[in-house]
Amino acid sequence: MSNLKARIIEDMKTAMKAKDKGTLKAVRMVLGAVKQREVDERIELDDTQVLTVIQKMVKQRKDSISQFKDAGRDDLVEVEEAELVIINTYMPEQLSEAEVVAAVDKAIADSDASSMQDMGKLMGLLKAQLNGKADMSTISGLIRSKLS
């Protein structure tokens, strides 16, 4: 069992003992998504794969929050934001904007990228390097601004 999955299970037990319904709901949702992927693919997920599931859940929450704000549903925004805070505890520490810019600049220099045609190569390099530590859409936008 991956360390991250074991941590999620321990957090679920702790939330159950503390009778913290909000945390318990969010942690069960994360664990359910992980187990669903394990059942679907008939494998035991490692930490990297569990992190991928969690990243997808974070992205879904952010999308939902923006849609609920547009619709004026502040009650649902609060629920999604509370879940997002709990789900984010399983993400690695995020890099600062300066660190992301430095990583993008280094990748551009290392790969001799000069045009938008090199975007895929750069994204591949940076995804492997920064997976979970930075928002890939932010990185993509940064690469576009530097190469155009």
N, C-alpha and C. Protein backbone atom coordinates (compact mmCIF):
# COMPACT_ATOMS: atom_id res chain seq x y z
N MET A 1 0.85 -1.17 0.00
CA MET A 1 0.00 0.00 0.00
C MET A 1 0.90 1.24 0.00
N SER A 2 0.51 2.24 -0.77
CA SER A 2 1.30 3.47 -0.85
C SER A 2 1.22 4.24 0.47
N ASN A 3 2.24 5.03 0.72
CA ASN A 3 2.27 5.83 1.94
C ASN A 3 1.14 6.84 1.98
N LEU A 4 0.85 7.43 0.82
CA LEU A 4 -0.21 8.44 0.75
C LEU A 4 -1.57 7.82 1.02
N LYS A 5 -1.81 6.66 0.47
CA LYS A 5 -3.08 5.98 0.70
C LYS A 5 -3.21 5.59 2.19
N ALA A 6 -2.12 5.12 2.78
CA ALA A 6 -2.15 4.78 4.21
C ALA A 6 -2.44 6.01 5.05
N ARG A 7 -1.88 7.16 4.66
CA ARG A 7 -2.15 8.40 5.38
C ARG A 7 -3.61 8.81 5.27
N ILE A 8 -4.20 8.61 4.10
CA ILE A 8 -5.62 8.93 3.89
C ILE A 8 -6.49 8.06 4.80
N ILE A 9 -6.17 6.77 4.87
CA ILE A 9 -6.93 5.84 5.72
C ILE A 9 -6.80 6.24 7.18
N GLU A 10 -5.60 6.60 7.61
CA GLU A 10 -5.40 7.04 9.00
C GLU A 10 -6.18 8.31 9.29
N ASP A 11 -6.20 9.24 8.34
CA ASP A 11 -6.96 10.48 8.53
C ASP A 11 -8.46 10.20 8.61
N MET A 12 -8.91 9.20 7.86
CA MET A 12 -10.32 8.82 7.92
C MET A 12 -10.66 8.28 9.31
N LYS A 13 -9.80 7.44 9.85
CA LYS A 13 -10.01 6.89 11.19
C LYS A 13 -10.03 7.99 12.24
N THR A 14 -9.10 8.93 12.10
CA THR A 14 -9.02 10.04 13.05
C THR A 14 -10.28 10.90 12.98
N ALA A 15 -10.76 11.17 11.78
CA ALA A 15 -11.99 11.97 11.62
C ALA A 15 -13.20 11.24 12.18
N MET A 16 -13.22 9.91 12.03
CA MET A 16 -14.33 9.12 12.59
C MET A 16 -14.32 9.21 14.12
N LYS A 17 -13.15 9.07 14.71
CA LYS A 17 -13.04 9.13 16.17
C LYS A 17 -13.40 10.51 16.70
N ALA A 18 -13.03 11.56 15.95
CA ALA A 18 -13.30 12.93 16.38
C ALA A 18 -14.72 13.36 16.03
N LYS A 19 -15.45 12.50 15.30
CA LYS A 19 -16.82 12.80 14.85
C LYS A 19 -16.86 14.10 14.03
N ASP A 20 -15.83 14.29 13.22
CA ASP A 20 -15.71 15.46 12.34
C ASP A 20 -16.33 15.09 10.99
N LYS A 21 -17.62 15.40 10.83
CA LYS A 21 -18.36 14.95 9.65
C LYS A 21 -17.85 15.56 8.35
N GLY A 22 -17.50 16.84 8.38
CA GLY A 22 -17.02 17.50 7.16
C GLY A 22 -15.73 16.88 6.65
N THR A 23 -14.78 16.70 7.56
CA THR A 23 -13.50 16.10 7.18
C THR A 23 -13.69 14.65 6.74
N LEU A 24 -14.50 13.93 7.49
CA LEU A 24 -14.76 12.53 7.17
C LEU A 24 -15.35 12.39 5.77
N LYS A 25 -16.29 13.26 5.42
CA LYS A 25 -16.91 13.20 4.09
C LYS A 25 -15.86 13.42 2.99
N ALA A 26 -15.02 14.43 3.17
CA ALA A 26 -14.01 14.73 2.16
C ALA A 26 -12.97 13.62 2.04
N VAL A 27 -12.52 13.10 3.19
CA VAL A 27 -11.51 12.04 3.17
C VAL A 27 -12.08 10.77 2.56
N ARG A 28 -13.32 10.46 2.87
CA ARG A 28 -13.96 9.28 2.26
C ARG A 28 -14.09 9.46 0.75
N MET A 29 -14.35 10.69 0.32
CA MET A 29 -14.47 10.96 -1.10
C MET A 29 -13.13 10.69 -1.81
N VAL A 30 -12.05 11.13 -1.18
CA VAL A 30 -10.71 10.90 -1.74
C VAL A 30 -10.41 9.41 -1.79
N LEU A 31 -10.64 8.74 -0.67
CA LEU A 31 -10.37 7.30 -0.61
C LEU A 31 -11.24 6.53 -1.60
N GLY A 32 -12.49 6.96 -1.75
CA GLY A 32 -13.38 6.32 -2.71
C GLY A 32 -12.89 6.47 -4.14
N ALA A 33 -12.37 7.65 -4.48
CA ALA A 33 -11.84 7.88 -5.83
C ALA A 33 -10.61 7.02 -6.07
N VAL A 34 -9.76 6.89 -5.05
CA VAL A 34 -8.55 6.06 -5.18
C VAL A 34 -8.95 4.60 -5.38
N LYS A 35 -9.85 4.12 -4.53
CA LYS A 35 -10.28 2.72 -4.63
C LYS A 35 -11.00 2.44 -5.94
N GLN A 36 -11.78 3.41 -6.43
CA GLN A 36 -12.48 3.23 -7.70
C GLN A 36 -11.48 3.04 -8.83
N ARG A 37 -10.43 3.83 -8.82
CA ARG A 37 -9.40 3.69 -9.87
C ARG A 37 -8.69 2.35 -9.74
N GLU A 38 -8.44 1.91 -8.51
CA GLU A 38 -7.80 0.61 -8.30
C GLU A 38 -8.67 -0.52 -8.83
N VAL A 39 -9.95 -0.44 -8.59
CA VAL A 39 -10.88 -1.47 -9.07
C VAL A 39 -10.98 -1.43 -10.59
N ASP A 40 -11.10 -0.23 -11.14
CA ASP A 40 -11.23 -0.08 -12.59
C ASP A 40 -10.01 -0.64 -13.32
N GLU A 41 -8.83 -0.36 -12.80
CA GLU A 41 -7.60 -0.78 -13.48
C GLU A 41 -7.02 -2.08 -12.95
N ARG A 42 -7.64 -2.61 -11.89
CA ARG A 42 -7.20 -3.87 -11.27
C ARG A 42 -5.73 -3.84 -10.88
N ILE A 43 -5.35 -2.75 -10.24
CA ILE A 43 -3.97 -2.59 -9.75
C ILE A 43 -4.01 -1.93 -8.37
N GLU A 44 -2.88 -2.01 -7.68
CA GLU A 44 -2.69 -1.26 -6.44
C GLU A 44 -1.95 0.01 -6.81
N LEU A 45 -2.53 1.17 -6.52
CA LEU A 45 -1.92 2.44 -6.91
C LEU A 45 -0.72 2.77 -6.04
N ASP A 46 0.32 3.32 -6.67
CA ASP A 46 1.46 3.82 -5.89
C ASP A 46 1.22 5.30 -5.58
N ASP A 47 2.16 5.92 -4.87
CA ASP A 47 1.98 7.31 -4.45
C ASP A 47 1.77 8.25 -5.63
N THR A 48 2.49 8.05 -6.71
CA THR A 48 2.36 8.92 -7.88
C THR A 48 0.96 8.83 -8.48
N GLN A 49 0.44 7.62 -8.57
CA GLN A 49 -0.90 7.43 -9.13
C GLN A 49 -1.98 7.98 -8.20
N VAL A 50 -1.78 7.80 -6.89
CA VAL A 50 -2.73 8.37 -5.92
C VAL A 50 -2.71 9.89 -6.03
N LEU A 51 -1.53 10.47 -6.18
CA LEU A 51 -1.40 11.91 -6.33
C LEU A 51 -2.12 12.39 -7.58
N THR A 52 -2.07 11.63 -8.65
CA THR A 52 -2.78 11.98 -9.87
C THR A 52 -4.28 12.03 -9.64
N VAL A 53 -4.81 11.08 -8.89
CA VAL A 53 -6.23 11.06 -8.56
C VAL A 53 -6.59 12.31 -7.74
N ILE A 54 -5.74 12.63 -6.79
CA ILE A 54 -6.00 13.79 -5.93
C ILE A 54 -5.92 15.08 -6.74
N GLN A 55 -4.97 15.18 -7.66
CA GLN A 55 -4.86 16.36 -8.51
C GLN A 55 -6.13 16.55 -9.33
N LYS A 56 -6.67 15.46 -9.83
CA LYS A 56 -7.90 15.53 -10.61
C LYS A 56 -9.05 16.04 -9.73
N MET A 57 -9.09 15.58 -8.49
CA MET A 57 -10.14 16.04 -7.58
C MET A 57 -10.00 17.52 -7.26
N VAL A 58 -8.77 17.99 -7.10
CA VAL A 58 -8.53 19.41 -6.85
C VAL A 58 -9.01 20.24 -8.03
N LYS A 59 -8.67 19.80 -9.24
CA LYS A 59 -9.10 20.52 -10.44
C LYS A 59 -10.62 20.55 -10.55
N GLN A 60 -11.28 19.42 -10.24
CA GLN A 60 -12.73 19.37 -10.28
C GLN A 60 -13.34 20.36 -9.29
N ARG A 61 -12.77 20.44 -8.08
CA ARG A 61 -13.28 21.36 -7.07
C ARG A 61 -13.13 22.81 -7.53
N LYS A 62 -11.97 23.13 -8.09
CA LYS A 62 -11.73 24.50 -8.55
C LYS A 62 -12.71 24.87 -9.66
N ASP A 63 -12.95 23.94 -10.59
CA ASP A 63 -13.91 24.18 -11.67
C ASP A 63 -15.32 24.38 -11.10
N SER A 64 -15.69 23.54 -10.15
CA SER A 64 -17.01 23.64 -9.54
C SER A 64 -17.18 24.97 -8.81
N ILE A 65 -16.14 25.38 -8.10
CA ILE A 65 -16.21 26.65 -7.36
C ILE A 65 -16.45 27.81 -8.31
N SER A 66 -15.73 27.84 -9.43
CA SER A 66 -15.92 28.95 -10.38
C SER A 66 -17.32 28.91 -11.00
N GLN A 67 -17.82 27.72 -11.30
CA GLN A 67 -19.16 27.62 -11.87
C GLN A 67 -20.23 28.01 -10.86
N PHE A 68 -20.07 27.60 -9.61
CA PHE A 68 -21.04 27.96 -8.58
C PHE A 68 -21.02 29.46 -8.30
N LYS A 69 -19.83 30.07 -8.34
CA LYS A 69 -19.74 31.53 -8.15
C LYS A 69 -20.47 32.26 -9.26
N ASP A 70 -20.28 31.77 -10.50
CA ASP A 70 -20.95 32.38 -11.65
C ASP A 70 -22.47 32.27 -11.53
N ALA A 71 -22.93 31.17 -10.92
CA ALA A 71 -24.36 30.94 -10.78
C ALA A 71 -24.93 31.59 -9.51
N GLY A 72 -24.04 32.18 -8.70
CA GLY A 72 -24.51 32.83 -7.48
C GLY A 72 -24.88 31.86 -6.37
N ARG A 73 -24.32 30.66 -6.40
CA ARG A 73 -24.64 29.65 -5.37
C ARG A 73 -23.55 29.64 -4.30
N ASP A 74 -23.59 30.65 -3.43
CA ASP A 74 -22.56 30.77 -2.40
C ASP A 74 -22.57 29.61 -1.41
N ASP A 75 -23.75 29.01 -1.20
CA ASP A 75 -23.82 27.86 -0.28
C ASP A 75 -22.99 26.69 -0.80
N LEU A 76 -23.07 26.44 -2.11
CA LEU A 76 -22.31 25.34 -2.70
C LEU A 76 -20.82 25.70 -2.82
N VAL A 77 -20.52 26.98 -3.00
CA VAL A 77 -19.13 27.41 -3.06
C VAL A 77 -18.44 27.09 -1.74
N GLU A 78 -19.12 27.37 -0.62
CA GLU A 78 -18.55 27.10 0.70
C GLU A 78 -18.25 25.62 0.89
N VAL A 79 -19.17 24.75 0.47
CA VAL A 79 -18.98 23.31 0.59
C VAL A 79 -17.76 22.86 -0.22
N GLU A 80 -17.68 23.31 -1.46
CA GLU A 80 -16.57 22.92 -2.34
C GLU A 80 -15.24 23.45 -1.80
N GLU A 81 -15.24 24.67 -1.28
CA GLU A 81 -14.00 25.24 -0.74
C GLU A 81 -13.54 24.48 0.49
N ALA A 82 -14.48 24.06 1.33
CA ALA A 82 -14.12 23.27 2.52
C ALA A 82 -13.51 21.94 2.10
N GLU A 83 -14.10 21.28 1.10
CA GLU A 83 -13.56 20.02 0.60
C GLU A 83 -12.17 20.24 -0.01
N LEU A 84 -12.00 21.34 -0.74
CA LEU A 84 -10.73 21.63 -1.39
C LEU A 84 -9.62 21.81 -0.36
N VAL A 85 -9.91 22.45 0.74
CA VAL A 85 -8.91 22.65 1.79
C VAL A 85 -8.43 21.29 2.31
N ILE A 86 -9.35 20.37 2.54
CA ILE A 86 -8.99 19.05 3.07
C ILE A 86 -8.25 18.23 2.02
N ILE A 87 -8.71 18.27 0.78
CA ILE A 87 -8.06 17.51 -0.28
C ILE A 87 -6.64 18.03 -0.52
N ASN A 88 -6.45 19.34 -0.42
CA ASN A 88 -5.12 19.94 -0.63
C ASN A 88 -4.10 19.51 0.40
N THR A 89 -4.54 18.99 1.55
CA THR A 89 -3.58 18.54 2.56
C THR A 89 -2.78 17.34 2.07
N TYR A 90 -3.27 16.64 1.06
CA TYR A 90 -2.58 15.47 0.52
C TYR A 90 -1.65 15.82 -0.64
N MET A 91 -1.70 17.07 -1.09
CA MET A 91 -0.84 17.51 -2.18
C MET A 91 0.52 17.89 -1.62
N PRO A 92 1.59 17.70 -2.41
CA PRO A 92 2.90 18.15 -1.94
C PRO A 92 2.90 19.68 -1.83
N GLU A 93 3.85 20.22 -1.09
CA GLU A 93 3.93 21.66 -0.93
C GLU A 93 4.12 22.31 -2.30
N GLN A 94 3.33 23.33 -2.57
CA GLN A 94 3.36 23.99 -3.87
C GLN A 94 4.57 24.93 -3.96
N LEU A 95 5.14 24.99 -5.14
CA LEU A 95 6.28 25.87 -5.38
C LEU A 95 5.80 27.32 -5.47
N SER A 96 6.67 28.25 -5.12
CA SER A 96 6.34 29.66 -5.25
C SER A 96 6.37 30.05 -6.73
N GLU A 97 5.82 31.20 -7.03
CA GLU A 97 5.79 31.66 -8.42
C GLU A 97 7.21 31.84 -8.95
N ALA A 98 8.11 32.35 -8.12
CA ALA A 98 9.50 32.54 -8.53
C ALA A 98 10.18 31.21 -8.85
N GLU A 99 9.89 30.18 -8.05
CA GLU A 99 10.48 28.86 -8.28
C GLU A 99 9.96 28.26 -9.59
N VAL A 100 8.68 28.46 -9.87
CA VAL A 100 8.09 27.95 -11.12
C VAL A 100 8.71 28.67 -12.31
N VAL A 101 8.84 29.99 -12.23
CA VAL A 101 9.45 30.76 -13.32
C VAL A 101 10.88 30.30 -13.54
N ALA A 102 11.62 30.08 -12.46
CA ALA A 102 13.01 29.61 -12.58
C ALA A 102 13.07 28.23 -13.25
N ALA A 103 12.15 27.33 -12.88
CA ALA A 103 12.13 25.99 -13.48
C ALA A 103 11.80 26.07 -14.97
N VAL A 104 10.86 26.93 -15.34
CA VAL A 104 10.50 27.09 -16.75
C VAL A 104 11.67 27.67 -17.53
N ASP A 105 12.32 28.70 -16.97
CA ASP A 105 13.48 29.30 -17.65
C ASP A 105 14.60 28.28 -17.84
N LYS A 106 14.84 27.47 -16.81
CA LYS A 106 15.89 26.45 -16.89
C LYS A 106 15.55 25.40 -17.95
N ALA A 107 14.27 24.98 -18.00
CA ALA A 107 13.85 23.98 -19.00
C ALA A 107 13.99 24.54 -20.41
N ILE A 108 13.66 25.81 -20.59
CA ILE A 108 13.80 26.43 -21.91
C ILE A 108 15.27 26.48 -22.31
N ALA A 109 16.12 26.85 -21.37
CA ALA A 109 17.55 26.93 -21.66
C ALA A 109 18.15 25.54 -21.92
N ASP A 110 17.78 24.56 -21.11
CA ASP A 110 18.32 23.21 -21.25
C ASP A 110 17.91 22.54 -22.55
N SER A 111 16.68 22.82 -23.01
CA SER A 111 16.18 22.15 -24.21
C SER A 111 16.36 22.98 -25.47
N ASP A 112 16.94 24.15 -25.34
CA ASP A 112 17.13 25.06 -26.47
C ASP A 112 15.81 25.35 -27.19
N ALA A 113 14.75 25.47 -26.44
CA ALA A 113 13.44 25.77 -27.02
C ALA A 113 13.43 27.21 -27.50
N SER A 114 12.84 27.42 -28.67
CA SER A 114 12.83 28.77 -29.23
C SER A 114 11.48 29.18 -29.80
N SER A 115 10.58 28.22 -29.99
CA SER A 115 9.28 28.57 -30.58
C SER A 115 8.19 27.72 -29.94
N MET A 116 6.96 28.05 -30.31
CA MET A 116 5.81 27.33 -29.78
C MET A 116 5.81 25.85 -30.18
N GLN A 117 6.58 25.49 -31.19
CA GLN A 117 6.67 24.09 -31.61
C GLN A 117 7.34 23.24 -30.54
N ASP A 118 8.08 23.88 -29.65
CA ASP A 118 8.77 23.16 -28.57
C ASP A 118 7.92 23.04 -27.31
N MET A 119 6.69 23.52 -27.38
CA MET A 119 5.81 23.53 -26.21
C MET A 119 5.60 22.12 -25.63
N GLY A 120 5.33 21.15 -26.46
CA GLY A 120 5.09 19.79 -25.99
C GLY A 120 6.30 19.20 -25.29
N LYS A 121 7.47 19.43 -25.86
CA LYS A 121 8.71 18.93 -25.27
C LYS A 121 8.91 19.55 -23.89
N LEU A 122 8.70 20.86 -23.80
CA LEU A 122 8.86 21.56 -22.52
C LEU A 122 7.85 21.09 -21.48
N MET A 123 6.61 20.93 -21.90
CA MET A 123 5.56 20.47 -20.96
C MET A 123 5.90 19.08 -20.44
N GLY A 124 6.42 18.22 -21.31
CA GLY A 124 6.82 16.88 -20.89
C GLY A 124 7.92 16.92 -19.84
N LEU A 125 8.92 17.75 -20.08
CA LEU A 125 10.02 17.90 -19.12
C LEU A 125 9.52 18.43 -17.78
N LEU A 126 8.72 19.48 -17.86
CA LEU A 126 8.27 20.14 -16.63
C LEU A 126 7.24 19.33 -15.87
N LYS A 127 6.41 18.57 -16.59
CA LYS A 127 5.42 17.75 -15.90
C LYS A 127 6.10 16.69 -15.05
N ALA A 128 7.13 16.08 -15.59
CA ALA A 128 7.87 15.08 -14.83
C ALA A 128 8.56 15.70 -13.63
N GLN A 129 9.03 16.91 -13.80
CA GLN A 129 9.80 17.57 -12.75
C GLN A 129 8.91 18.21 -11.68
N LEU A 130 7.77 18.80 -12.08
CA LEU A 130 6.95 19.60 -11.17
C LEU A 130 5.59 18.98 -10.86
N ASN A 131 5.38 17.73 -11.23
CA ASN A 131 4.08 17.10 -11.05
C ASN A 131 3.61 17.20 -9.60
N GLY A 132 2.47 17.84 -9.40
CA GLY A 132 1.89 17.98 -8.08
C GLY A 132 2.41 19.17 -7.30
N LYS A 133 3.51 19.75 -7.74
CA LYS A 133 4.10 20.86 -7.01
C LYS A 133 3.70 22.21 -7.59
N ALA A 134 3.11 22.19 -8.78
CA ALA A 134 2.69 23.43 -9.43
C ALA A 134 1.53 23.12 -10.37
N ASP A 135 0.72 24.13 -10.61
CA ASP A 135 -0.43 23.99 -11.50
C ASP A 135 0.06 23.98 -12.95
N MET A 136 -0.24 22.91 -13.66
CA MET A 136 0.27 22.75 -15.02
C MET A 136 -0.31 23.80 -15.98
N SER A 137 -1.51 24.29 -15.73
CA SER A 137 -2.08 25.32 -16.60
C SER A 137 -1.31 26.63 -16.44
N THR A 138 -0.85 26.92 -15.23
CA THR A 138 -0.03 28.10 -15.00
C THR A 138 1.30 27.96 -15.73
N ILE A 139 1.87 26.78 -15.66
CA ILE A 139 3.15 26.52 -16.35
C ILE A 139 2.97 26.66 -17.85
N SER A 140 1.87 26.14 -18.37
CA SER A 140 1.59 26.24 -19.80
C SER A 140 1.49 27.69 -20.24
N GLY A 141 0.78 28.50 -19.48
CA GLY A 141 0.66 29.91 -19.80
C GLY A 141 1.99 30.64 -19.76
N LEU A 142 2.82 30.26 -18.79
CA LEU A 142 4.14 30.86 -18.64
C LEU A 142 5.02 30.51 -19.85
N ILE A 143 4.97 29.25 -20.27
CA ILE A 143 5.75 28.82 -21.43
C ILE A 143 5.29 29.59 -22.67
N ARG A 144 3.97 29.71 -22.84
CA ARG A 144 3.43 30.42 -24.01
C ARG A 144 3.93 31.86 -24.03
N SER A 145 3.91 32.52 -22.88
CA SER A 145 4.33 33.94 -22.85
C SER A 145 5.83 34.08 -23.15
N LYS A 146 6.63 33.11 -22.73
CA LYS A 146 8.07 33.20 -22.95
C LYS A 146 8.48 32.81 -24.37
N LEU A 147 7.71 31.94 -25.02
CA LEU A 147 8.08 31.48 -26.36
C LEU A 147 7.45 32.29 -27.49
N SER A 148 6.46 33.09 -27.17
CA SER A 148 5.81 33.84 -28.25
C SER A 148 6.33 35.26 -28.38
